[in-house]
N, C-alpha and C. Protein backbone atom coordinates (compact mmCIF):
# COMPACT_ATOMS: atom_id res chain seq x y z
N MET A 1 87.56 137.49 144.04
CA MET A 1 87.75 136.57 145.12
C MET A 1 89.18 136.05 145.11
N ILE A 2 89.67 135.76 146.28
CA ILE A 2 91.04 135.27 146.42
C ILE A 2 91.00 133.88 147.05
N HIS A 3 91.74 132.97 146.47
CA HIS A 3 91.90 131.63 147.02
C HIS A 3 93.37 131.49 147.37
N ILE A 4 93.66 131.07 148.57
CA ILE A 4 95.04 131.01 149.04
C ILE A 4 95.47 129.56 149.19
N VAL A 5 96.64 129.25 148.64
CA VAL A 5 97.23 127.92 148.78
C VAL A 5 98.55 128.09 149.49
N ILE A 6 98.74 127.36 150.57
CA ILE A 6 100.00 127.43 151.31
C ILE A 6 100.76 126.14 151.03
N GLU A 7 101.96 126.29 150.51
CA GLU A 7 102.79 125.13 150.22
C GLU A 7 103.65 124.84 151.45
N ILE A 8 103.63 123.60 151.89
CA ILE A 8 104.41 123.22 153.07
C ILE A 8 105.46 122.21 152.63
N ARG A 9 106.70 122.48 153.01
CA ARG A 9 107.80 121.57 152.66
C ARG A 9 108.46 121.05 153.93
N ARG A 10 108.91 119.82 153.86
CA ARG A 10 109.62 119.22 154.98
C ARG A 10 111.07 119.70 154.95
N GLU A 11 111.56 120.10 156.11
CA GLU A 11 112.95 120.54 156.21
C GLU A 11 113.86 119.33 156.04
N PRO A 12 114.95 119.49 155.28
CA PRO A 12 115.87 118.36 155.10
C PRO A 12 116.50 117.95 156.43
N MET A 13 116.66 116.67 156.62
CA MET A 13 117.33 116.07 157.77
C MET A 13 116.59 116.30 159.10
N THR A 14 115.36 116.78 159.06
CA THR A 14 114.58 116.96 160.29
C THR A 14 113.16 116.50 160.05
N ASP A 15 112.40 116.47 161.11
CA ASP A 15 110.99 116.11 160.98
C ASP A 15 110.10 117.34 160.97
N SER A 16 110.69 118.53 161.01
CA SER A 16 109.86 119.73 161.08
C SER A 16 109.37 120.14 159.70
N VAL A 17 108.21 120.77 159.71
CA VAL A 17 107.66 121.31 158.48
C VAL A 17 107.32 122.76 158.72
N ARG A 18 107.39 123.56 157.66
CA ARG A 18 107.02 124.96 157.79
C ARG A 18 106.52 125.47 156.45
N PRO A 19 105.61 126.42 156.48
CA PRO A 19 105.16 127.01 155.21
C PRO A 19 106.31 127.73 154.53
N THR A 20 106.44 127.53 153.23
CA THR A 20 107.52 128.18 152.50
C THR A 20 107.04 129.38 151.70
N HIS A 21 105.83 129.34 151.21
CA HIS A 21 105.27 130.50 150.52
C HIS A 21 103.77 130.32 150.29
N MET A 22 103.11 131.41 149.99
CA MET A 22 101.68 131.37 149.68
C MET A 22 101.48 131.79 148.24
N THR A 23 100.63 131.06 147.54
CA THR A 23 100.26 131.42 146.18
C THR A 23 98.80 131.85 146.21
N THR A 24 98.50 132.97 145.60
CA THR A 24 97.11 133.43 145.58
C THR A 24 96.58 133.39 144.15
N PHE A 25 95.30 133.11 144.04
CA PHE A 25 94.62 133.07 142.75
C PHE A 25 93.44 134.02 142.82
N ALA A 26 93.29 134.83 141.83
CA ALA A 26 92.13 135.74 141.77
C ALA A 26 91.09 135.13 140.84
N PHE A 27 89.88 134.94 141.35
CA PHE A 27 88.78 134.41 140.57
C PHE A 27 87.82 135.54 140.24
N ASP A 28 87.49 135.67 138.99
CA ASP A 28 86.46 136.62 138.58
C ASP A 28 85.17 135.82 138.43
N GLN A 29 84.28 135.98 139.39
CA GLN A 29 83.05 135.19 139.42
C GLN A 29 82.23 135.32 138.15
N SER A 30 82.08 136.52 137.64
CA SER A 30 81.23 136.71 136.46
C SER A 30 81.81 136.00 135.24
N THR A 31 83.13 136.00 135.11
CA THR A 31 83.77 135.31 133.98
C THR A 31 83.56 133.80 134.10
N ILE A 32 83.75 133.27 135.29
CA ILE A 32 83.58 131.83 135.48
C ILE A 32 82.13 131.43 135.26
N HIS A 33 81.20 132.24 135.75
CA HIS A 33 79.78 131.94 135.53
C HIS A 33 79.44 131.98 134.04
N SER A 34 79.99 132.96 133.31
CA SER A 34 79.68 133.03 131.87
C SER A 34 80.30 131.85 131.12
N HIS A 35 81.52 131.42 131.52
CA HIS A 35 82.14 130.25 130.89
C HIS A 35 81.33 128.98 131.20
N ALA A 36 80.88 128.86 132.43
CA ALA A 36 80.08 127.69 132.80
C ALA A 36 78.76 127.68 132.03
N ASP A 37 78.13 128.84 131.91
CA ASP A 37 76.89 128.93 131.14
C ASP A 37 77.12 128.57 129.67
N ALA A 38 78.22 129.08 129.10
CA ALA A 38 78.54 128.77 127.70
C ALA A 38 78.80 127.28 127.52
N LEU A 39 79.49 126.67 128.49
CA LEU A 39 79.77 125.24 128.42
C LEU A 39 78.47 124.44 128.49
N ARG A 40 77.57 124.84 129.38
CA ARG A 40 76.27 124.17 129.49
C ARG A 40 75.46 124.34 128.20
N ASP A 41 75.49 125.54 127.63
CA ASP A 41 74.76 125.79 126.38
C ASP A 41 75.31 124.94 125.25
N ASP A 42 76.65 124.85 125.16
CA ASP A 42 77.26 124.02 124.12
C ASP A 42 76.89 122.55 124.31
N ALA A 43 76.89 122.11 125.55
CA ALA A 43 76.54 120.71 125.83
C ALA A 43 75.09 120.44 125.42
N ALA A 44 74.22 121.38 125.70
CA ALA A 44 72.80 121.20 125.34
C ALA A 44 72.58 121.27 123.83
N ALA A 45 73.47 121.98 123.13
CA ALA A 45 73.30 122.16 121.68
C ALA A 45 73.78 120.96 120.86
N LEU A 46 74.50 120.03 121.50
CA LEU A 46 74.96 118.86 120.75
C LEU A 46 73.76 118.05 120.28
N GLN A 47 73.69 117.82 119.00
CA GLN A 47 72.58 117.08 118.41
C GLN A 47 73.08 115.73 117.91
N PRO A 48 72.28 114.70 118.05
CA PRO A 48 72.69 113.40 117.53
C PRO A 48 72.77 113.41 116.00
N LEU A 49 73.69 112.62 115.49
CA LEU A 49 73.82 112.48 114.04
C LEU A 49 72.65 111.66 113.51
N PRO A 50 72.12 112.05 112.38
CA PRO A 50 71.04 111.24 111.81
C PRO A 50 71.61 109.98 111.16
N ASN A 51 70.84 108.94 111.16
CA ASN A 51 71.26 107.72 110.50
C ASN A 51 70.97 107.87 109.01
N VAL A 52 72.00 107.83 108.20
CA VAL A 52 71.86 108.02 106.75
C VAL A 52 71.36 106.71 106.14
N PRO A 53 70.24 106.77 105.46
CA PRO A 53 69.73 105.53 104.87
C PRO A 53 70.56 105.11 103.65
N VAL A 54 71.17 103.95 103.77
CA VAL A 54 71.93 103.37 102.66
C VAL A 54 71.25 102.04 102.35
N PRO A 55 70.99 101.78 101.10
CA PRO A 55 70.33 100.51 100.76
C PRO A 55 71.10 99.31 101.32
N ASN A 56 70.38 98.43 101.94
CA ASN A 56 71.00 97.26 102.57
C ASN A 56 71.05 96.10 101.57
N VAL A 57 71.65 96.39 100.40
CA VAL A 57 71.80 95.38 99.35
C VAL A 57 73.27 95.26 98.98
N TRP A 58 73.61 94.11 98.45
CA TRP A 58 74.99 93.92 98.03
C TRP A 58 75.31 94.91 96.93
N PRO A 59 76.41 95.57 96.89
CA PRO A 59 77.61 95.48 97.74
C PRO A 59 77.60 96.47 98.90
N LEU A 60 76.46 97.11 99.15
CA LEU A 60 76.40 98.16 100.17
C LEU A 60 75.96 97.65 101.55
N ALA A 61 75.62 96.40 101.67
CA ALA A 61 75.09 95.88 102.93
C ALA A 61 76.08 96.06 104.08
N GLU A 62 77.34 95.68 103.87
CA GLU A 62 78.35 95.81 104.93
C GLU A 62 78.62 97.28 105.24
N PHE A 63 78.65 98.11 104.19
CA PHE A 63 78.87 99.54 104.40
C PHE A 63 77.71 100.15 105.20
N SER A 64 76.51 99.76 104.86
CA SER A 64 75.33 100.26 105.56
C SER A 64 75.38 99.90 107.04
N GLN A 65 75.75 98.67 107.33
CA GLN A 65 75.84 98.21 108.72
C GLN A 65 76.96 98.96 109.45
N ALA A 66 78.11 99.11 108.81
CA ALA A 66 79.24 99.82 109.44
C ALA A 66 78.89 101.28 109.69
N LEU A 67 78.22 101.91 108.74
CA LEU A 67 77.82 103.30 108.90
C LEU A 67 76.82 103.46 110.05
N SER A 68 75.87 102.57 110.14
CA SER A 68 74.89 102.62 111.24
C SER A 68 75.57 102.46 112.59
N GLN A 69 76.53 101.54 112.68
CA GLN A 69 77.26 101.34 113.93
C GLN A 69 78.09 102.57 114.28
N ALA A 70 78.74 103.16 113.27
CA ALA A 70 79.56 104.36 113.51
C ALA A 70 78.71 105.52 114.01
N VAL A 71 77.56 105.72 113.39
CA VAL A 71 76.66 106.80 113.81
C VAL A 71 76.18 106.55 115.24
N GLU A 72 75.83 105.31 115.54
CA GLU A 72 75.37 104.96 116.89
C GLU A 72 76.47 105.22 117.93
N GLN A 73 77.71 104.82 117.61
CA GLN A 73 78.82 105.04 118.53
C GLN A 73 79.10 106.53 118.73
N GLU A 74 79.08 107.29 117.66
CA GLU A 74 79.34 108.73 117.78
C GLU A 74 78.24 109.43 118.55
N ASN A 75 77.02 108.99 118.39
CA ASN A 75 75.92 109.57 119.17
C ASN A 75 76.08 109.26 120.66
N ALA A 76 76.54 108.05 120.96
CA ALA A 76 76.79 107.69 122.37
C ALA A 76 77.93 108.54 122.93
N ARG A 77 78.98 108.75 122.15
CA ARG A 77 80.10 109.61 122.59
C ARG A 77 79.64 111.05 122.77
N SER A 78 78.81 111.51 121.87
CA SER A 78 78.29 112.88 121.96
C SER A 78 77.46 113.05 123.23
N GLU A 79 76.65 112.07 123.54
CA GLU A 79 75.84 112.11 124.77
C GLU A 79 76.74 112.12 126.01
N ALA A 80 77.78 111.28 126.00
CA ALA A 80 78.73 111.25 127.13
C ALA A 80 79.46 112.58 127.26
N LEU A 81 79.86 113.16 126.13
CA LEU A 81 80.54 114.46 126.15
C LEU A 81 79.62 115.54 126.70
N SER A 82 78.38 115.52 126.31
CA SER A 82 77.41 116.48 126.80
C SER A 82 77.24 116.37 128.31
N GLU A 83 77.12 115.14 128.80
CA GLU A 83 76.98 114.93 130.25
C GLU A 83 78.23 115.38 130.99
N GLU A 84 79.40 115.08 130.44
CA GLU A 84 80.66 115.47 131.09
C GLU A 84 80.82 116.99 131.09
N ALA A 85 80.45 117.65 130.01
CA ALA A 85 80.54 119.11 129.96
C ALA A 85 79.62 119.73 131.01
N SER A 86 78.46 119.16 131.20
CA SER A 86 77.54 119.65 132.23
C SER A 86 78.13 119.45 133.62
N ARG A 87 78.78 118.32 133.85
CA ARG A 87 79.43 118.06 135.14
C ARG A 87 80.58 119.04 135.38
N VAL A 88 81.36 119.32 134.33
CA VAL A 88 82.47 120.27 134.46
C VAL A 88 81.95 121.66 134.79
N ALA A 89 80.89 122.08 134.13
CA ALA A 89 80.30 123.40 134.41
C ALA A 89 79.84 123.47 135.87
N PHE A 90 79.20 122.42 136.35
CA PHE A 90 78.76 122.37 137.74
C PHE A 90 79.96 122.43 138.68
N ALA A 91 81.02 121.69 138.36
CA ALA A 91 82.23 121.69 139.20
C ALA A 91 82.90 123.06 139.21
N MET A 92 82.88 123.75 138.08
CA MET A 92 83.47 125.10 138.02
C MET A 92 82.77 126.02 139.01
N LEU A 93 81.46 125.98 139.03
CA LEU A 93 80.69 126.84 139.92
C LEU A 93 80.89 126.44 141.38
N LYS A 94 80.97 125.14 141.65
CA LYS A 94 81.22 124.69 143.02
C LYS A 94 82.62 125.08 143.48
N ALA A 95 83.60 125.06 142.58
CA ALA A 95 84.97 125.46 142.94
C ALA A 95 85.01 126.94 143.32
N VAL A 96 84.28 127.76 142.60
CA VAL A 96 84.22 129.18 142.93
C VAL A 96 83.56 129.37 144.30
N GLN A 97 82.47 128.66 144.54
CA GLN A 97 81.80 128.76 145.84
C GLN A 97 82.74 128.33 146.97
N ALA A 98 83.49 127.25 146.75
CA ALA A 98 84.42 126.77 147.77
C ALA A 98 85.53 127.79 148.00
N ALA A 99 86.05 128.38 146.93
CA ALA A 99 87.11 129.39 147.07
C ALA A 99 86.60 130.60 147.85
N ILE A 100 85.38 131.01 147.57
CA ILE A 100 84.79 132.15 148.28
C ILE A 100 84.66 131.81 149.77
N SER A 101 84.19 130.61 150.05
CA SER A 101 84.02 130.19 151.44
C SER A 101 85.35 130.15 152.17
N VAL A 102 86.37 129.59 151.53
CA VAL A 102 87.71 129.54 152.14
C VAL A 102 88.23 130.94 152.36
N ASP A 103 88.06 131.81 151.38
CA ASP A 103 88.55 133.18 151.49
C ASP A 103 87.84 133.91 152.63
N GLU A 104 86.53 133.74 152.74
CA GLU A 104 85.78 134.42 153.80
C GLU A 104 86.21 133.94 155.18
N ARG A 105 86.37 132.62 155.33
CA ARG A 105 86.80 132.08 156.63
C ARG A 105 88.20 132.54 156.97
N PHE A 106 89.10 132.51 155.97
CA PHE A 106 90.48 132.94 156.19
C PHE A 106 90.50 134.42 156.58
N SER A 107 89.72 135.22 155.88
CA SER A 107 89.67 136.66 156.18
C SER A 107 89.16 136.90 157.59
N GLN A 108 88.11 136.18 157.99
CA GLN A 108 87.56 136.34 159.33
C GLN A 108 88.58 135.95 160.40
N ARG A 109 89.27 134.84 160.18
CA ARG A 109 90.26 134.40 161.16
C ARG A 109 91.45 135.35 161.21
N LEU A 110 91.88 135.83 160.06
CA LEU A 110 92.99 136.77 160.02
C LEU A 110 92.60 138.07 160.71
N GLN A 111 91.37 138.52 160.48
CA GLN A 111 90.88 139.74 161.11
C GLN A 111 90.81 139.56 162.63
N ALA A 112 90.40 138.38 163.08
CA ALA A 112 90.33 138.11 164.52
C ALA A 112 91.72 138.13 165.16
N VAL A 113 92.71 137.65 164.43
CA VAL A 113 94.09 137.64 164.95
C VAL A 113 94.64 139.04 165.00
N LEU A 114 94.36 139.84 163.98
CA LEU A 114 94.89 141.20 163.93
C LEU A 114 94.12 142.09 164.87
């Protein structure tokens, strides 16, 4: 698939604008789908850290509390990372669909002109 980006620059000392060049990007759908699937699989594979039981007696009481808080915070970060990775995978697939749609419309319009 081809996605076309047209860069438009303003001419110096005038109000006119004109396209200066086109940049094309080639998307390999199967590669992007496999990367998105791998990202989703990695996100699903993230497991929460277990809370390590440390005796809540002096002198370990403060350490036990700090360790529990650290594990809880890391588990929350892991959950957020998993959710974000899933969103990124979804966005990757939507970007490919959008590029295909743009390419198809552009091709149809170009074909109509020619």
